[in-house]
C-alpha atoms as a PDB file:
ATOM      1  CA  MET A   1     116.041  73.300 192.770  1.00  0.00           C
ATOM      2  CA  ASN A   2     116.677  76.726 192.549  1.00  0.00           C
ATOM      3  CA  ALA A   3     119.683  77.893 194.577  1.00  0.00           C
ATOM      4  CA  LYS A   4     121.026  80.535 192.644  1.00  0.00           C
ATOM      5  CA  ASN A   5     123.023  82.433 195.210  1.00  0.00           C
ATOM      6  CA  GLN A   6     125.459  79.573 196.091  1.00  0.00           C
ATOM      7  CA  PHE A   7     128.709  78.058 194.736  1.00  0.00           C
ATOM      8  CA  VAL A   8     129.115  74.416 194.441  1.00  0.00           C
ATOM      9  CA  SER A   9     132.157  72.266 194.353  1.00  0.00           C
ATOM     10  CA  ALA A  10     130.574  68.911 194.260  1.00  0.00           C
ATOM     11  CA  PRO A  11     126.861  68.247 194.402  1.00  0.00           C
ATOM     12  CA  GLU A  12     126.973  67.470 198.164  1.00  0.00           C
ATOM     13  CA  LEU A  13     128.920  70.601 199.131  1.00  0.00           C
ATOM     14  CA  VAL A  14     127.435  73.982 199.108  1.00  0.00           C
ATOM     15  CA  ARG A  15     129.302  77.347 199.992  1.00  0.00           C
ATOM     16  CA  PRO A  16     127.892  80.653 199.751  1.00  0.00           C
ATOM     17  CA  LYS A  17     129.863  83.175 197.935  1.00  0.00           C
ATOM     18  CA  VAL A  18     128.202  85.418 195.189  1.00  0.00           C
ATOM     19  CA  GLN A  19     125.612  87.837 194.543  1.00  0.00           C
ATOM     20  CA  LYS A  20     121.930  86.981 193.419  1.00  0.00           C
ATOM     21  CA  GLY A  21     121.355  87.519 189.611  1.00  0.00           C
ATOM     22  CA  SER A  22     124.702  86.207 188.551  1.00  0.00           C
ATOM     23  CA  VAL A  23     123.555  82.979 187.025  1.00  0.00           C
ATOM     24  CA  GLU A  24     121.183  84.722 185.055  1.00  0.00           C
ATOM     25  CA  ALA A  25     123.794  87.247 183.801  1.00  0.00           C
ATOM     26  CA  ILE A  26     126.059  84.356 182.720  1.00  0.00           C
ATOM     27  CA  LEU A  27     123.434  82.317 180.945  1.00  0.00           C
ATOM     28  CA  ALA A  28     122.446  85.416 179.234  1.00  0.00           C
ATOM     29  CA  THR A  29     125.734  85.628 177.441  1.00  0.00           C
ATOM     30  CA  HIS A  30     127.286  81.861 177.455  1.00  0.00           C
ATOM     31  CA  PRO A  31     127.596  81.055 173.740  1.00  0.00           C
ATOM     32  CA  PHE A  32     126.333  77.469 174.491  1.00  0.00           C
ATOM     33  CA  LEU A  33     122.764  79.029 175.138  1.00  0.00           C
ATOM     34  CA  GLN A  34     122.693  81.507 172.523  1.00  0.00           C
ATOM     35  CA  GLY A  35     119.482  81.129 170.368  1.00  0.00           C
ATOM     36  CA  LEU A  36     117.476  79.146 172.916  1.00  0.00           C
ATOM     37  CA  SER A  37     113.960  80.414 173.572  1.00  0.00           C
ATOM     38  CA  PRO A  38     113.181  82.147 176.913  1.00  0.00           C
ATOM     39  CA  HIS A  39     111.257  78.812 177.948  1.00  0.00           C
ATOM     40  CA  GLN A  40     114.172  76.913 177.232  1.00  0.00           C
ATOM     41  CA  LYS A  41     116.424  79.173 179.065  1.00  0.00           C
ATOM     42  CA  ARG A  42     114.011  79.301 182.080  1.00  0.00           C
ATOM     43  CA  ILE A  43     114.288  75.434 182.258  1.00  0.00           C
ATOM     44  CA  LEU A  44     117.989  75.378 182.562  1.00  0.00           C
ATOM     45  CA  SER A  45     118.135  78.416 184.931  1.00  0.00           C
ATOM     46  CA  ASP A  46     115.788  76.261 187.451  1.00  0.00           C
ATOM     47  CA  CYS A  47     118.411  73.560 187.649  1.00  0.00           C
ATOM     48  CA  ALA A  48     121.241  76.014 187.880  1.00  0.00           C
ATOM     49  CA  MET A  49     123.665  77.270 190.418  1.00  0.00           C
ATOM     50  CA  LEU A  50     127.154  78.981 190.561  1.00  0.00           C
ATOM     51  CA  SER A  51     130.097  76.714 190.980  1.00  0.00           C
ATOM     52  CA  SER A  52     133.967  77.524 191.447  1.00  0.00           C
ATOM     53  CA  PHE A  53     136.700  74.924 191.768  1.00  0.00           C
ATOM     54  CA  ALA A  54     140.485  75.717 192.903  1.00  0.00           C
ATOM     55  CA  PRO A  55     143.603  75.054 190.920  1.00  0.00           C
ATOM     56  CA  GLY A  56     144.130  71.236 191.129  1.00  0.00           C
ATOM     57  CA  GLU A  57     140.549  70.531 192.192  1.00  0.00           C
ATOM     58  CA  LEU A  58     139.047  67.450 190.676  1.00  0.00           C
ATOM     59  CA  ILE A  59     135.586  68.508 189.136  1.00  0.00           C
ATOM     60  CA  PHE A  60     134.679  64.703 188.387  1.00  0.00           C
ATOM     61  CA  ARG A  61     136.428  61.583 187.929  1.00  0.00           C
ATOM     62  CA  GLU A  62     136.135  59.321 184.945  1.00  0.00           C
ATOM     63  CA  GLY A  63     133.935  56.323 185.718  1.00  0.00           C
ATOM     64  CA  ASP A  64     131.934  57.805 188.416  1.00  0.00           C
ATOM     65  CA  PRO A  65     128.165  58.383 187.606  1.00  0.00           C
ATOM     66  CA  ALA A  66     127.655  61.580 185.552  1.00  0.00           C
ATOM     67  CA  ASN A  67     124.485  63.723 186.702  1.00  0.00           C
ATOM     68  CA  ARG A  68     125.749  67.176 185.933  1.00  0.00           C
ATOM     69  CA  PHE A  69     127.436  69.666 183.400  1.00  0.00           C
ATOM     70  CA  TYR A  70     128.943  73.072 183.690  1.00  0.00           C
ATOM     71  CA  LEU A  71     129.219  76.364 181.493  1.00  0.00           C
ATOM     72  CA  ILE A  72     132.735  77.536 182.250  1.00  0.00           C
ATOM     73  CA  HIS A  73     132.437  81.288 182.716  1.00  0.00           C
ATOM     74  CA  LYS A  74     135.845  81.958 183.858  1.00  0.00           C
ATOM     75  CA  GLY A  75     139.052  79.781 184.211  1.00  0.00           C
ATOM     76  CA  LYS A  76     140.723  76.463 182.512  1.00  0.00           C
ATOM     77  CA  VAL A  77     139.824  72.998 183.029  1.00  0.00           C
ATOM     78  CA  ALA A  78     141.999  70.040 181.976  1.00  0.00           C
ATOM     79  CA  LEU A  79     140.172  66.952 180.562  1.00  0.00           C
ATOM     80  CA  GLU A  80     142.343  64.032 181.493  1.00  0.00           C
ATOM     81  CA  SER A  81     142.395  60.170 181.077  1.00  0.00           C
ATOM     82  CA  TYR A  82     144.839  57.805 182.859  1.00  0.00           C
ATOM     83  CA  VAL A  83     146.748  55.484 180.551  1.00  0.00           C
ATOM     84  CA  ARG A  84     148.581  52.226 182.298  1.00  0.00           C
ATOM     85  CA  GLU A  85     152.357  52.786 182.084  1.00  0.00           C
ATOM     86  CA  ARG A  86     152.249  56.449 181.036  1.00  0.00           C
ATOM     87  CA  GLY A  87     150.169  57.979 183.784  1.00  0.00           C
ATOM     88  CA  THR A  88     147.612  60.655 183.500  1.00  0.00           C
ATOM     89  CA  VAL A  89     147.457  62.154 179.668  1.00  0.00           C
ATOM     90  CA  LEU A  90     146.042  65.703 179.104  1.00  0.00           C
ATOM     91  CA  ILE A  91     143.152  65.100 176.502  1.00  0.00           C
ATOM     92  CA  GLN A  92     142.204  68.980 176.052  1.00  0.00           C
ATOM     93  CA  ASN A  93     141.915  72.176 178.023  1.00  0.00           C
ATOM     94  CA  ILE A  94     138.709  73.823 177.907  1.00  0.00           C
ATOM     95  CA  GLY A  95     137.843  77.294 179.009  1.00  0.00           C
ATOM     96  CA  SER A  96     135.726  80.343 179.376  1.00  0.00           C
ATOM     97  CA  GLY A  97     132.847  79.935 177.236  1.00  0.00           C
ATOM     98  CA  ASP A  98     132.970  76.177 176.950  1.00  0.00           C
ATOM     99  CA  LEU A  99     130.807  73.420 178.247  1.00  0.00           C
ATOM    100  CA  LEU A 100     131.916  70.787 180.533  1.00  0.00           C
ATOM    101  CA  GLY A 101     130.389  67.618 180.684  1.00  0.00           C
ATOM    102  CA  TRP A 102     128.208  65.509 178.296  1.00  0.00           C
ATOM    103  CA  SER A 103     127.909  62.243 179.946  1.00  0.00           C
ATOM    104  CA  TRP A 104     124.857  63.098 181.975  1.00  0.00           C
ATOM    105  CA  LEU A 105     122.750  62.999 178.824  1.00  0.00           C
ATOM    106  CA  PHE A 106     124.163  59.865 177.244  1.00  0.00           C
ATOM    107  CA  PRO A 107     123.687  56.296 178.746  1.00  0.00           C
ATOM    108  CA  PRO A 108     124.939  54.831 180.688  1.00  0.00           C
ATOM    109  CA  TYR A 109     125.740  58.163 182.384  1.00  0.00           C
ATOM    110  CA  TYR A 110     129.232  57.783 183.592  1.00  0.00           C
ATOM    111  CA  TRP A 111     132.042  60.184 183.072  1.00  0.00           C
ATOM    112  CA  HIS A 112     134.521  59.446 180.478  1.00  0.00           C
ATOM    113  CA  PHE A 113     137.360  61.749 181.409  1.00  0.00           C
ATOM    114  CA  ASP A 114     138.705  63.014 184.533  1.00  0.00           C
ATOM    115  CA  ALA A 115     138.141  67.011 184.801  1.00  0.00           C
ATOM    116  CA  ARG A 116     140.463  68.904 186.780  1.00  0.00           C
ATOM    117  CA  ALA A 117     140.712  72.708 187.269  1.00  0.00           C
ATOM    118  CA  VAL A 118     143.896  74.154 185.965  1.00  0.00           C
ATOM    119  CA  GLU A 119     143.519  77.676 187.473  1.00  0.00           C
ATOM    120  CA  PRO A 120     140.634  79.064 189.459  1.00  0.00           C
ATOM    121  CA  VAL A 121     137.416  78.254 187.735  1.00  0.00           C
ATOM    122  CA  GLU A 122     133.861  79.919 187.814  1.00  0.00           C
ATOM    123  CA  ALA A 123     131.026  78.131 186.088  1.00  0.00           C
ATOM    124  CA  VAL A 124     127.206  77.510 186.331  1.00  0.00           C
ATOM    125  CA  PHE A 125     126.339  73.959 187.490  1.00  0.00           C
ATOM    126  CA  PHE A 126     123.496  72.191 185.982  1.00  0.00           C
ATOM    127  CA  TYR A 127     121.856  69.084 187.773  1.00  0.00           C
ATOM    128  CA  GLY A 128     121.226  66.875 184.795  1.00  0.00           C
ATOM    129  CA  THR A 129     118.792  64.285 186.044  1.00  0.00           C
ATOM    130  CA  PRO A 130     115.763  66.723 186.234  1.00  0.00           C
ATOM    131  CA  LEU A 131     116.959  67.953 182.796  1.00  0.00           C
ATOM    132  CA  ARG A 132     116.762  64.470 181.399  1.00  0.00           C
ATOM    133  CA  ASP A 133     113.408  64.470 182.586  1.00  0.00           C
ATOM    134  CA  GLU A 134     112.624  67.791 181.030  1.00  0.00           C
ATOM    135  CA  CYS A 135     114.047  66.581 177.745  1.00  0.00           C
ATOM    136  CA  GLU A 136     111.678  63.706 178.002  1.00  0.00           C
ATOM    137  CA  ALA A 137     108.654  65.874 178.682  1.00  0.00           C
ATOM    138  CA  ASP A 138     109.495  68.697 176.088  1.00  0.00           C
ATOM    139  CA  HIS A 139     110.819  66.972 173.067  1.00  0.00           C
ATOM    140  CA  ASP A 140     111.696  70.498 171.247  1.00  0.00           C
ATOM    141  CA  PHE A 141     113.755  71.378 174.361  1.00  0.00           C
ATOM    142  CA  GLY A 142     115.373  67.673 174.280  1.00  0.00           C
ATOM    143  CA  TYR A 143     116.093  67.968 170.655  1.00  0.00           C
ATOM    144  CA  GLU A 144     117.641  71.419 170.974  1.00  0.00           C
ATOM    145  CA  LEU A 145     119.975  70.397 174.074  1.00  0.00           C
ATOM    146  CA  LEU A 146     120.813  66.869 172.154  1.00  0.00           C
ATOM    147  CA  LYS A 147     122.069  68.950 169.167  1.00  0.00           C
ATOM    148  CA  ARG A 148     124.094  71.217 171.297  1.00  0.00           C
ATOM    149  CA  MET A 149     125.557  68.450 173.233  1.00  0.00           C
ATOM    150  CA  THR A 150     126.481  66.089 170.410  1.00  0.00           C
ATOM    151  CA  GLU A 151     128.627  69.263 168.865  1.00  0.00           C
ATOM    152  CA  VAL A 152     130.586  69.083 172.195  1.00  0.00           C
ATOM    153  CA  VAL A 153     131.006  65.473 172.177  1.00  0.00           C
ATOM    154  CA  ILE A 154     132.460  65.862 168.513  1.00  0.00           C
ATOM    155  CA  LYS A 155     134.730  68.298 169.487  1.00  0.00           C
ATOM    156  CA  ARG A 156     135.985  66.164 172.340  1.00  0.00           C
ATOM    157  CA  LEU A 157     136.063  62.990 170.156  1.00  0.00           C
ATOM    158  CA  GLN A 158     138.314  65.164 167.721  1.00  0.00           C
ATOM    159  CA  GLY A 159     140.309  66.567 170.576  1.00  0.00           C
ATOM    160  CA  THR A 160     141.060  62.948 171.848  1.00  0.00           C
ATOM    161  CA  ARG A 161     141.976  61.932 168.194  1.00  0.00           C
ATOM    162  CA  ARG A 162     144.583  64.582 167.934  1.00  0.00           C
ATOM    163  CA  GLN A 163     146.021  63.671 171.137  1.00  0.00           C
ATOM    164  CA  LEU A 164     146.190  60.131 170.121  1.00  0.00           C
ATOM    165  CA  LEU A 165     147.935  61.052 166.858  1.00  0.00           C
ATOM    166  CA  ASP A 166     150.235  63.287 168.850  1.00  0.00           C
ATOM    167  CA  SER A 167     151.345  60.426 171.080  1.00  0.00           C
ATOM    168  CA  TYR A 168     152.348  58.288 168.163  1.00  0.00           C
ATOM    169  CA  GLY A 169     154.162  60.996 166.502  1.00  0.00           C
ATOM    170  CA  LEU A 170     151.496  60.751 163.769  1.00  0.00           C
ATOM    171  CA  HIS A 171     150.202  63.755 162.163  1.00  0.00           C
ATOM    172  CA  PRO A 172     147.289  63.737 159.804  1.00  0.00           C
ATOM    173  CA  SER A 173     147.953  65.195 156.207  1.00  0.00           C
END
């Protein structure tokens, strides 16, 4: 899969919009990829394409199968969860330089939050299913990706914890 000059709103919807070479430029500067070997970056770029989302657009829904992740280049995304009797609760906002989506790497491969564009978003989309296969085949690559994804999971967990404490009016000392 190497459609580097297309935007994608969802895996099944492809809209050409951007010049060739933009994926490589974003990958070269995105904080999540700093320190990866050229071989590891090539594995990722082979599964990457540009994506865009309009404000209010749902990027993925909690409970749906997770098979992708994004590196946010521009814009802001709200991570949300539905709480009975309270409605949709904002867990965390993420933006430029952040990673969106870790559930594709950890069984059972379902999203744990909703993700919605708050403002226009430009991102690099990575198809996770072949990347999981690459992680199994190349354990050095898999370990490096796992360490980086785990850091994202911990940040999301801490964001969720802060949100929960705030919602109950509790503040850690």
